[in-house]
Each structure stands twice: as C-alpha cells, then as structure tokens.
C-alpha atoms as a PDB file:
ATOM      1  CA  MET A   1     113.270 120.371 114.095  1.00  0.00           C
ATOM      2  CA  SER A   2     114.088 116.627 116.334  1.00  0.00           C
ATOM      3  CA  ASP A   3     115.537 113.845 113.786  1.00  0.00           C
ATOM      4  CA  ASP A   4     112.250 112.504 112.845  1.00  0.00           C
ATOM      5  CA  GLU A   5     111.365 115.107 110.567  1.00  0.00           C
ATOM      6  CA  ALA A   6     112.728 116.052 107.145  1.00  0.00           C
ATOM      7  CA  ASP A   7     114.786 118.438 106.616  1.00  0.00           C
ATOM      8  CA  PRO A   8     112.544 121.453 104.477  1.00  0.00           C
ATOM      9  CA  GLU A   9     115.151 123.002 103.190  1.00  0.00           C
ATOM     10  CA  LEU A  10     116.800 119.918 101.802  1.00  0.00           C
ATOM     11  CA  LEU A  11     113.673 118.883 100.194  1.00  0.00           C
ATOM     12  CA  GLU A  12     113.110 122.020  98.291  1.00  0.00           C
ATOM     13  CA  LEU A  13     116.576 122.225  97.030  1.00  0.00           C
ATOM     14  CA  LEU A  14     115.787 118.342  96.113  1.00  0.00           C
ATOM     15  CA  ARG A  15     112.440 119.818  94.678  1.00  0.00           C
ATOM     16  CA  GLN A  16     114.207 122.955  92.671  1.00  0.00           C
ATOM     17  CA  SER A  17     116.782 120.850  90.681  1.00  0.00           C
ATOM     18  CA  LEU A  18     113.951 118.233  89.553  1.00  0.00           C
ATOM     19  CA  GLY A  19     111.803 120.808  88.306  1.00  0.00           C
ATOM     20  CA  ILE A  20     109.507 119.555  90.462  1.00  0.00           C
ATOM     21  CA  GLY A  21     106.812 122.298  89.886  1.00  0.00           C
ATOM     22  CA  THR A  22     102.872 123.375  92.478  1.00  0.00           C
ATOM     23  CA  SER A  23     100.052 121.395  92.567  1.00  0.00           C
ATOM     24  CA  ASN A  24      97.837 122.954  89.129  1.00  0.00           C
ATOM     25  CA  GLY A  25      95.014 123.295  91.425  1.00  0.00           C
ATOM     26  CA  THR A  26      93.557 119.715  92.064  1.00  0.00           C
ATOM     27  CA  ALA A  27      94.230 117.620  95.154  1.00  0.00           C
ATOM     28  CA  PRO A  28      96.481 114.979  94.128  1.00  0.00           C
ATOM     29  CA  ALA A  29      95.778 111.792  94.800  1.00  0.00           C
ATOM     30  CA  GLU A  30      97.657 109.171  96.983  1.00  0.00           C
ATOM     31  CA  THR A  31      99.334 105.962  96.303  1.00  0.00           C
ATOM     32  CA  ARG A  32      99.341 104.825  99.571  1.00  0.00           C
ATOM     33  CA  VAL A  33     102.765 103.254  98.586  1.00  0.00           C
ATOM     34  CA  LEU A  34     104.299 105.605 101.533  1.00  0.00           C
ATOM     35  CA  GLU A  35     101.631 105.055 104.193  1.00  0.00           C
ATOM     36  CA  SER A  36     102.487 100.883 103.726  1.00  0.00           C
ATOM     37  CA  ALA A  37     105.288 101.656 104.152  1.00  0.00           C
ATOM     38  CA  GLU A  38     105.085 103.335 107.543  1.00  0.00           C
ATOM     39  CA  TYR A  39     102.197 100.655 108.327  1.00  0.00           C
ATOM     40  CA  VAL A  40     104.896  97.930 108.246  1.00  0.00           C
ATOM     41  CA  TYR A  41     107.718  99.357 110.107  1.00  0.00           C
ATOM     42  CA  ASN A  42     105.409 100.625 112.850  1.00  0.00           C
ATOM     43  CA  ASN A  43     104.212  96.766 113.420  1.00  0.00           C
ATOM     44  CA  SER A  44     107.347  94.822 113.059  1.00  0.00           C
ATOM     45  CA  ILE A  45     109.461  93.320 115.357  1.00  0.00           C
ATOM     46  CA  ASP A  46     112.493  92.733 112.639  1.00  0.00           C
ATOM     47  CA  ILE A  47     112.933  95.760 111.442  1.00  0.00           C
ATOM     48  CA  ALA A  48     114.209  99.444 112.317  1.00  0.00           C
ATOM     49  CA  LEU A  49     115.640 102.455 110.471  1.00  0.00           C
ATOM     50  CA  ASP A  50     118.395 104.903 111.750  1.00  0.00           C
ATOM     51  CA  THR A  51     116.853 108.155 110.952  1.00  0.00           C
ATOM     52  CA  LYS A  52     120.624 109.353 111.479  1.00  0.00           C
ATOM     53  CA  GLY A  53     121.923 107.371 109.113  1.00  0.00           C
ATOM     54  CA  CYS A  54     119.153 107.796 106.665  1.00  0.00           C
ATOM     55  CA  LYS A  55     120.002 112.029 106.516  1.00  0.00           C
ATOM     56  CA  THR A  56     123.454 111.028 105.474  1.00  0.00           C
ATOM     57  CA  ALA A  57     122.438 108.466 102.689  1.00  0.00           C
ATOM     58  CA  ALA A  58     120.163 112.001 101.701  1.00  0.00           C
ATOM     59  CA  ASN A  59     123.004 113.699 101.707  1.00  0.00           C
ATOM     60  CA  THR A  60     125.457 111.750 100.323  1.00  0.00           C
ATOM     61  CA  ILE A  61     122.766 111.327  96.939  1.00  0.00           C
ATOM     62  CA  TRP A  62     121.925 115.038  96.858  1.00  0.00           C
ATOM     63  CA  LYS A  63     125.555 116.116  96.395  1.00  0.00           C
ATOM     64  CA  LEU A  64     126.034 112.713  93.861  1.00  0.00           C
ATOM     65  CA  MET A  65     123.701 114.511  92.255  1.00  0.00           C
ATOM     66  CA  LEU A  66     125.221 117.969  92.018  1.00  0.00           C
ATOM     67  CA  GLU A  67     128.547 116.410  91.015  1.00  0.00           C
ATOM     68  CA  LYS A  68     127.363 114.432  88.179  1.00  0.00           C
ATOM     69  CA  LYS A  69     124.349 116.836  87.228  1.00  0.00           C
ATOM     70  CA  TYR A  70     122.316 114.385  87.539  1.00  0.00           C
ATOM     71  CA  SER A  71     118.534 115.556  86.144  1.00  0.00           C
ATOM     72  CA  THR A  72     115.917 114.474  84.122  1.00  0.00           C
ATOM     73  CA  LYS A  73     118.018 114.644  80.800  1.00  0.00           C
ATOM     74  CA  THR A  74     120.364 112.068  82.628  1.00  0.00           C
ATOM     75  CA  TRP A  75     117.459 109.121  81.320  1.00  0.00           C
ATOM     76  CA  SER A  76     117.767 110.061  77.822  1.00  0.00           C
ATOM     77  CA  SER A  77     121.538 110.161  77.296  1.00  0.00           C
ATOM     78  CA  HIS A  78     122.210 106.603  77.855  1.00  0.00           C
ATOM     79  CA  GLU A  79     123.032 105.144  73.980  1.00  0.00           C
ATOM     80  CA  LEU A  80     119.732 102.359  74.468  1.00  0.00           C
ATOM     81  CA  HIS A  81     117.435 104.764  75.640  1.00  0.00           C
ATOM     82  CA  PRO A  82     115.435 106.477  73.081  1.00  0.00           C
ATOM     83  CA  LYS A  83     115.759 109.995  71.785  1.00  0.00           C
ATOM     84  CA  ALA A  84     112.593 111.251  70.662  1.00  0.00           C
ATOM     85  CA  LYS A  85     109.711 112.567  72.067  1.00  0.00           C
ATOM     86  CA  ASP A  86     107.456 111.728  71.014  1.00  0.00           C
ATOM     87  CA  GLU A  87     103.946 108.565  71.688  1.00  0.00           C
ATOM     88  CA  GLY A  88     106.426 106.088  69.993  1.00  0.00           C
ATOM     89  CA  THR A  89     108.726 106.486  72.915  1.00  0.00           C
ATOM     90  CA  VAL A  90     105.598 106.377  74.762  1.00  0.00           C
ATOM     91  CA  ASP A  91     104.906 102.963  73.974  1.00  0.00           C
ATOM     92  CA  PHE A  92     108.565 101.977  74.248  1.00  0.00           C
ATOM     93  CA  ILE A  93     108.500 103.292  78.170  1.00  0.00           C
ATOM     94  CA  PHE A  94     104.964 101.045  78.727  1.00  0.00           C
ATOM     95  CA  THR A  95     106.589  98.398  76.659  1.00  0.00           C
ATOM     96  CA  MET A  96     109.559  98.139  78.659  1.00  0.00           C
ATOM     97  CA  ASP A  97     108.581  98.678  81.708  1.00  0.00           C
ATOM     98  CA  LEU A  98     105.722  96.120  81.726  1.00  0.00           C
ATOM     99  CA  LEU A  99     108.522  93.367  81.085  1.00  0.00           C
ATOM    100  CA  ASN A 100     111.082  95.407  83.938  1.00  0.00           C
ATOM    101  CA  PHE A 101     111.347  92.607  86.219  1.00  0.00           C
ATOM    102  CA  CYS A 102     113.513  90.047  86.957  1.00  0.00           C
ATOM    103  CA  PHE A 103     117.048  89.389  85.038  1.00  0.00           C
ATOM    104  CA  TRP A 104     118.578  87.527  88.298  1.00  0.00           C
ATOM    105  CA  SER A 105     120.474  84.276  87.032  1.00  0.00           C
ATOM    106  CA  GLU A 106     122.030  81.211  89.081  1.00  0.00           C
ATOM    107  CA  GLN A 107     124.883  81.232  85.920  1.00  0.00           C
ATOM    108  CA  GLY A 108     127.996  83.130  85.859  1.00  0.00           C
ATOM    109  CA  THR A 109     128.768  86.498  84.428  1.00  0.00           C
ATOM    110  CA  ASP A 110     129.493  85.374  81.039  1.00  0.00           C
ATOM    111  CA  GLN A 111     126.945  82.372  81.475  1.00  0.00           C
ATOM    112  CA  ARG A 112     123.626  84.688  81.901  1.00  0.00           C
ATOM    113  CA  PHE A 113     120.837  85.740  79.743  1.00  0.00           C
ATOM    114  CA  ALA A 114     122.336  88.666  77.459  1.00  0.00           C
ATOM    115  CA  VAL A 115     121.387  90.576  74.361  1.00  0.00           C
ATOM    116  CA  ASP A 116     124.223  91.136  72.060  1.00  0.00           C
ATOM    117  CA  TYR A 117     123.193  95.082  70.281  1.00  0.00           C
ATOM    118  CA  ARG A 118     125.581  97.612  68.372  1.00  0.00           C
ATOM    119  CA  GLY A 119     128.359  96.001  69.371  1.00  0.00           C
ATOM    120  CA  LYS A 120     128.118  95.281  72.861  1.00  0.00           C
ATOM    121  CA  ARG A 121     126.819  92.927  75.155  1.00  0.00           C
ATOM    122  CA  TRP A 122     123.923  93.498  77.466  1.00  0.00           C
ATOM    123  CA  THR A 123     122.603  92.282  80.786  1.00  0.00           C
ATOM    124  CA  GLY A 124     120.181  92.784  83.127  1.00  0.00           C
ATOM    125  CA  TYR A 125     117.365  95.821  82.844  1.00  0.00           C
ATOM    126  CA  TRP A 126     119.742  96.858  79.792  1.00  0.00           C
ATOM    127  CA  SER A 127     119.058  93.413  77.716  1.00  0.00           C
ATOM    128  CA  LEU A 128     115.789  94.080  77.765  1.00  0.00           C
ATOM    129  CA  VAL A 129     115.992  97.543  76.353  1.00  0.00           C
ATOM    130  CA  ALA A 130     118.560  96.175  73.590  1.00  0.00           C
ATOM    131  CA  ALA A 131     115.880  93.255  73.006  1.00  0.00           C
ATOM    132  CA  ILE A 132     113.312  95.549  72.107  1.00  0.00           C
ATOM    133  CA  GLN A 133     115.849  98.345  70.254  1.00  0.00           C
ATOM    134  CA  ARG A 134     116.743  95.416  68.056  1.00  0.00           C
ATOM    135  CA  ALA A 135     112.766  93.942  67.484  1.00  0.00           C
ATOM    136  CA  LEU A 136     112.255  96.977  66.140  1.00  0.00           C
ATOM    137  CA  ASP A 137     115.353  97.534  64.050  1.00  0.00           C
ATOM    138  CA  GLU A 138     114.089  94.393  62.609  1.00  0.00           C
ATOM    139  CA  ASP A 139     111.031  95.858  61.546  1.00  0.00           C
ATOM    140  CA  ILE A 140     108.998  93.896  64.936  1.00  0.00           C
ATOM    141  CA  PRO A 141     106.479  96.062  66.520  1.00  0.00           C
ATOM    142  CA  ILE A 142     107.456  94.765  69.819  1.00  0.00           C
ATOM    143  CA  THR A 143     106.063  97.762  70.906  1.00  0.00           C
ATOM    144  CA  SER A 144     102.629  98.236  69.495  1.00  0.00           C
ATOM    145  CA  SER A 145      99.534  96.448  71.297  1.00  0.00           C
ATOM    146  CA  ASP A 146      97.660  96.107  68.365  1.00  0.00           C
ATOM    147  CA  PHE A 147     100.561  93.230  67.430  1.00  0.00           C
ATOM    148  CA  TRP A 148     100.608  91.991  70.976  1.00  0.00           C
ATOM    149  CA  GLN A 149      97.078  91.051  70.333  1.00  0.00           C
ATOM    150  CA  ASP A 150      97.575  89.414  67.093  1.00  0.00           C
ATOM    151  CA  GLU A 151      98.425  86.046  68.231  1.00  0.00           C
ATOM    152  CA  ASN A 152      98.919  84.538  64.364  1.00  0.00           C
ATOM    153  CA  GLU A 153     101.297  87.578  63.937  1.00  0.00           C
ATOM    154  CA  CYS A 154     102.659  87.895  67.722  1.00  0.00           C
ATOM    155  CA  THR A 155     103.429  84.054  67.885  1.00  0.00           C
ATOM    156  CA  THR A 156     105.420  82.706  70.709  1.00  0.00           C
ATOM    157  CA  GLU A 157     108.059  81.934  68.394  1.00  0.00           C
ATOM    158  CA  LYS A 158     108.073  85.716  66.986  1.00  0.00           C
ATOM    159  CA  LEU A 159     109.167  86.230  70.598  1.00  0.00           C
ATOM    160  CA  GLU A 160     111.529  83.689  71.640  1.00  0.00           C
ATOM    161  CA  HIS A 161     112.826  85.469  68.419  1.00  0.00           C
ATOM    162  CA  VAL A 162     112.796  89.015  69.692  1.00  0.00           C
ATOM    163  CA  PHE A 163     114.425  87.942  73.199  1.00  0.00           C
ATOM    164  CA  ARG A 164     116.882  85.338  71.693  1.00  0.00           C
ATOM    165  CA  SER A 165     119.993  85.226  74.250  1.00  0.00           C
ATOM    166  CA  ALA A 166     123.469  85.424  73.055  1.00  0.00           C
ATOM    167  CA  THR A 167     124.299  82.607  75.584  1.00  0.00           C
ATOM    168  CA  ASP A 168     122.764  79.327  76.229  1.00  0.00           C
ATOM    169  CA  GLU A 169     120.217  80.748  78.980  1.00  0.00           C
ATOM    170  CA  LYS A 170     117.134  81.704  78.010  1.00  0.00           C
ATOM    171  CA  ILE A 171     115.244  84.945  79.309  1.00  0.00           C
ATOM    172  CA  PRO A 172     113.626  84.364  82.845  1.00  0.00           C
ATOM    173  CA  LEU A 173     110.295  83.780  83.125  1.00  0.00           C
ATOM    174  CA  PHE A 174     109.433  84.419  79.862  1.00  0.00           C
ATOM    175  CA  GLN A 175     105.805  82.859  79.474  1.00  0.00           C
ATOM    176  CA  GLU A 176     105.387  85.816  82.250  1.00  0.00           C
ATOM    177  CA  ARG A 177     106.277  88.307  79.920  1.00  0.00           C
ATOM    178  CA  VAL A 178     103.946  87.074  77.529  1.00  0.00           C
ATOM    179  CA  ALA A 179     101.277  87.019  79.552  1.00  0.00           C
ATOM    180  CA  CYS A 180     101.591  90.354  80.623  1.00  0.00           C
ATOM    181  CA  LEU A 181     101.897  91.397  77.052  1.00  0.00           C
ATOM    182  CA  ARG A 182      98.671  90.053  76.312  1.00  0.00           C
ATOM    183  CA  GLU A 183      97.058  90.938  79.022  1.00  0.00           C
ATOM    184  CA  ALA A 184      97.708  94.869  78.864  1.00  0.00           C
ATOM    185  CA  GLY A 185      96.633  94.587  74.824  1.00  0.00           C
ATOM    186  CA  GLN A 186      93.669  93.793  75.839  1.00  0.00           C
ATOM    187  CA  VAL A 187      93.223  96.320  78.928  1.00  0.00           C
ATOM    188  CA  LEU A 188      94.780  98.975  76.110  1.00  0.00           C
ATOM    189  CA  TYR A 189      91.878  97.596  73.373  1.00  0.00           C
ATOM    190  CA  GLU A 190      89.098  97.496  75.757  1.00  0.00           C
ATOM    191  CA  ARG A 191      89.282 100.429  78.094  1.00  0.00           C
ATOM    192  CA  PHE A 192      91.965 103.573  76.678  1.00  0.00           C
ATOM    193  CA  ASP A 193      91.232 103.015  72.402  1.00  0.00           C
ATOM    194  CA  CYS A 194      94.672 101.095  72.076  1.00  0.00           C
ATOM    195  CA  LYS A 195      96.152 104.122  73.502  1.00  0.00           C
ATOM    196  CA  PHE A 196      98.942 104.219  76.290  1.00  0.00           C
ATOM    197  CA  SER A 197      98.639 107.812  76.025  1.00  0.00           C
ATOM    198  CA  ASP A 198      95.292 107.967  76.656  1.00  0.00           C
ATOM    199  CA  CYS A 199      95.976 106.697  79.912  1.00  0.00           C
ATOM    200  CA  ILE A 200      98.222 109.304  80.653  1.00  0.00           C
ATOM    201  CA  LYS A 201      95.745 111.884  79.915  1.00  0.00           C
ATOM    202  CA  GLU A 202      92.940 110.404  82.124  1.00  0.00           C
ATOM    203  CA  ALA A 203      95.385 111.211  84.815  1.00  0.00           C
ATOM    204  CA  ASN A 204      95.007 114.744  84.170  1.00  0.00           C
ATOM    205  CA  GLY A 205      98.496 115.344  85.016  1.00  0.00           C
ATOM    206  CA  SER A 206      98.782 113.169  88.136  1.00  0.00           C
ATOM    207  CA  ALA A 207     101.881 111.538  88.774  1.00  0.00           C
ATOM    208  CA  ALA A 208     100.018 109.277  91.322  1.00  0.00           C
ATOM    209  CA  ALA A 209      96.829 108.803  89.746  1.00  0.00           C
ATOM    210  CA  LEU A 210      98.746 107.747  87.032  1.00  0.00           C
ATOM    211  CA  VAL A 211     100.409 105.197  89.163  1.00  0.00           C
ATOM    212  CA  ASN A 212      96.712 104.434  90.771  1.00  0.00           C
ATOM    213  CA  LEU A 213      95.111 104.036  86.761  1.00  0.00           C
ATOM    214  CA  LEU A 214      98.683 101.327  85.761  1.00  0.00           C
ATOM    215  CA  VAL A 215      97.537  99.135  89.196  1.00  0.00           C
ATOM    216  CA  GLU A 216      93.354  99.737  89.009  1.00  0.00           C
ATOM    217  CA  PHE A 217      93.751  98.210  85.077  1.00  0.00           C
ATOM    218  CA  PHE A 218      96.679  96.468  84.659  1.00  0.00           C
ATOM    219  CA  PRO A 219      97.019  93.431  86.780  1.00  0.00           C
ATOM    220  CA  CYS A 220     101.120  92.553  85.927  1.00  0.00           C
ATOM    221  CA  LEU A 221     101.583  96.246  87.737  1.00  0.00           C
ATOM    222  CA  ARG A 222      99.602  95.618  90.894  1.00  0.00           C
ATOM    223  CA  ASP A 223     102.151  94.306  93.681  1.00  0.00           C
ATOM    224  CA  GLU A 224     100.521  94.120  96.732  1.00  0.00           C
ATOM    225  CA  SER A 225     100.442  91.937  99.685  1.00  0.00           C
ATOM    226  CA  THR A 226      99.143  91.704 102.938  1.00  0.00           C
ATOM    227  CA  PHE A 227     100.522  92.168 106.327  1.00  0.00           C
ATOM    228  CA  GLU A 228      99.404  91.778 110.024  1.00  0.00           C
ATOM    229  CA  GLY A 229      96.229  92.255 108.637  1.00  0.00           C
ATOM    230  CA  LYS A 230      96.380  94.904 106.105  1.00  0.00           C
ATOM    231  CA  LYS A 231      96.802  95.992 102.351  1.00  0.00           C
ATOM    232  CA  VAL A 232     100.648  96.146 101.624  1.00  0.00           C
ATOM    233  CA  ARG A 233     101.538  98.716  98.556  1.00  0.00           C
ATOM    234  CA  LEU A 234     104.207  98.477  97.112  1.00  0.00           C
ATOM    235  CA  TYR A 235     103.527  99.520  93.122  1.00  0.00           C
ATOM    236  CA  LYS A 236     107.205  99.304  91.892  1.00  0.00           C
ATOM    237  CA  ARG A 237     106.746  99.458  88.600  1.00  0.00           C
ATOM    238  CA  ALA A 238     104.097 101.519  88.350  1.00  0.00           C
ATOM    239  CA  GLN A 239     105.663 104.281  89.782  1.00  0.00           C
ATOM    240  CA  ILE A 240     109.231 103.206  87.357  1.00  0.00           C
ATOM    241  CA  LEU A 241     107.115 103.365  84.506  1.00  0.00           C
ATOM    242  CA  VAL A 242     105.103 107.168  85.706  1.00  0.00           C
ATOM    243  CA  ALA A 243     109.096 108.003  86.780  1.00  0.00           C
ATOM    244  CA  ASP A 244     110.374 107.261  83.441  1.00  0.00           C
ATOM    245  CA  LEU A 245     107.824 109.199  81.417  1.00  0.00           C
ATOM    246  CA  TRP A 246     108.826 112.249  83.251  1.00  0.00           C
ATOM    247  CA  ALA A 247     112.655 111.693  83.310  1.00  0.00           C
ATOM    248  CA  CYS A 248     112.069 110.685  79.140  1.00  0.00           C
ATOM    249  CA  PHE A 249     109.945 114.322  78.441  1.00  0.00           C
ATOM    250  CA  ASP A 250     112.370 116.115  80.911  1.00  0.00           C
ATOM    251  CA  GLY A 251     108.846 116.665  83.047  1.00  0.00           C
ATOM    252  CA  LYS A 252     107.118 118.494  79.966  1.00  0.00           C
ATOM    253  CA  SER A 253     104.380 116.682  77.291  1.00  0.00           C
ATOM    254  CA  TYR A 254     103.742 113.344  77.943  1.00  0.00           C
ATOM    255  CA  GLY A 255     105.933 113.632  81.144  1.00  0.00           C
ATOM    256  CA  GLU A 256     104.134 116.685  82.821  1.00  0.00           C
ATOM    257  CA  PHE A 257     103.311 116.203  86.835  1.00  0.00           C
ATOM    258  CA  PHE A 258     102.039 118.610  88.892  1.00  0.00           C
ATOM    259  CA  ASP A 259     102.777 116.079  91.794  1.00  0.00           C
ATOM    260  CA  ILE A 260     106.082 113.997  90.860  1.00  0.00           C
ATOM    261  CA  ASP A 261     107.199 113.543  94.518  1.00  0.00           C
ATOM    262  CA  LYS A 262     104.518 111.653  95.365  1.00  0.00           C
ATOM    263  CA  ILE A 263     106.701 108.730  93.499  1.00  0.00           C
ATOM    264  CA  THR A 264     108.820 106.967  96.329  1.00  0.00           C
ATOM    265  CA  MET A 265     112.382 105.384  95.911  1.00  0.00           C
ATOM    266  CA  PHE A 266     112.022 101.980  94.346  1.00  0.00           C
ATOM    267  CA  ALA A 267     115.294  99.553  95.435  1.00  0.00           C
ATOM    268  CA  GLY A 268     115.744  96.812  93.637  1.00  0.00           C
ATOM    269  CA  MET A 269     115.094  93.112  95.634  1.00  0.00           C
ATOM    270  CA  ALA A 270     117.325  90.479  95.824  1.00  0.00           C
ATOM    271  CA  THR A 271     117.198  86.670  97.173  1.00  0.00           C
ATOM    272  CA  VAL A 272     120.011  85.864  99.685  1.00  0.00           C
ATOM    273  CA  ARG A 273     120.653  82.135 100.245  1.00  0.00           C
ATOM    274  CA  PRO A 274     123.139  81.218 102.844  1.00  0.00           C
ATOM    275  CA  SER A 275     126.206  79.664 101.026  1.00  0.00           C
END
C-alpha cells in the first residue's frame, strides 16, 4: 500500500465503531464536496498535504475516540442538547444548524456575545443552543416554522429578546439569522408541508441525498464558490445538520443513513489578521 492510499483496516474499524452500515441497495448520491476539495488541491500553488501527517492525525483521532469512548451517544450527553428522540428534536436541530454560523468577536472573553442559562454563561456555538433552549422555556416557539413566517407574532423585537446577550455585544449577524429563519419557513411551507421531517423522508435514508436536498432548497445552506472556473462545494452547515441528526438519534429513526460515511469533516473557519 502506498502512502497515498487510505488504510482499509483503519477505515473499516472506524466504520464499525460508529455503526456505519452498508447500502440499502440504492446507489448513494454524491455531494461532490470531496471532489471539490481534490480539485482545489490539484490546482493550487499554495496548498500541500503531508500524507504521513494526515495518517498520523487520523490515528490520533482514532485513539482519542477509543480512550474517551466517543460514539453517537456523546452528542446527547451534553446538558444543552435535547434529550427527546422525537420530531420536536428534529425541528430543534434544524433551527440550530440554520443559525450555526459566525460567532467570532473582536471583544475580549468577558465582553463578547454570551447567553446566561441554567446558572452558566455560554459563548460561541453553545450560546446559540442556550438561547434556543431558553426561548422554549419561555414558551416562545422558536423552532416552529409557522412561527418564523408569522411576522405579527415573530417580530424583530421578539427575536431580539430570544437572542438577547448577557453582555453589551449583540449576537453577530442578527439580521442575516432572521433572514435565514424567514426563508427556511417559506421553503418548508411551499415544498415540505411545513415539516422538516418530510425533507428527511424524501432523502430515503441517504445522508448525501439529504445534503443535496438542503443545498437545493435552502439557499442559506448553499455555500459554494468558484475556483479556476469550476464550482467548489463546501456545504458545511448542511453536512453538520445531517451529522447532528445521525448522532442525536444514534443512527436510528430520523438519523438512520446508510451512507453516513459520505459526510466529510467540517473544520471551523477563522480569519487571521496581522497584529
């Protein structure tokens, strides 16, 4: 086996540990995210991959997963993630991942956007999850697409209250997040009978097909660019959404996908500025 080939034994062990099954007989869809990454790599002059380093990183991740007993059950173990395995949780995850972007701040740790909930102060991604949970505790149906479309009930002032901060800094890109909710609510109404679960059903158990449905019908999840004349697909939040469903439901029910291994890793993105 050359350095450029994946270790089949390691891949099989990883699939087994995560409960990744075989195909249900239907040829899986392709997101073409990996194809895009390969194209960028092959046509860039400022990018290089250390094959040996990649293998070392994979083995490190694998060993840590074993040591920490990481599995799909880890997702629900966090105190802020929903515990119920029902359609309400599906709607929670959909809402969460629609809005799961840009928590960067130029403020210090104590001044950045934060949410106080259950006796703790949450920042970053967890500030969003805390805000959603807090809204539901206050009987605000923030995970309901019917609510998002009702601008008499779901007012800007109500949403500002939902995402209120424990500091002077407001949630970043508030208006863009509101636009995501409005747009998604309209799409669910027009295409999926107001139920995100219908979108999941339409994917027929394919993780890749669900990603493709998400980026086709929900423009705010369609992160694409062009490089050297070719479309480049990233689909970060669409893939995170599918991965969250899979992990939350432990690969069953709404989270059962026969091709979950089509979902790629999705690293965070930061802007580095000179000091």
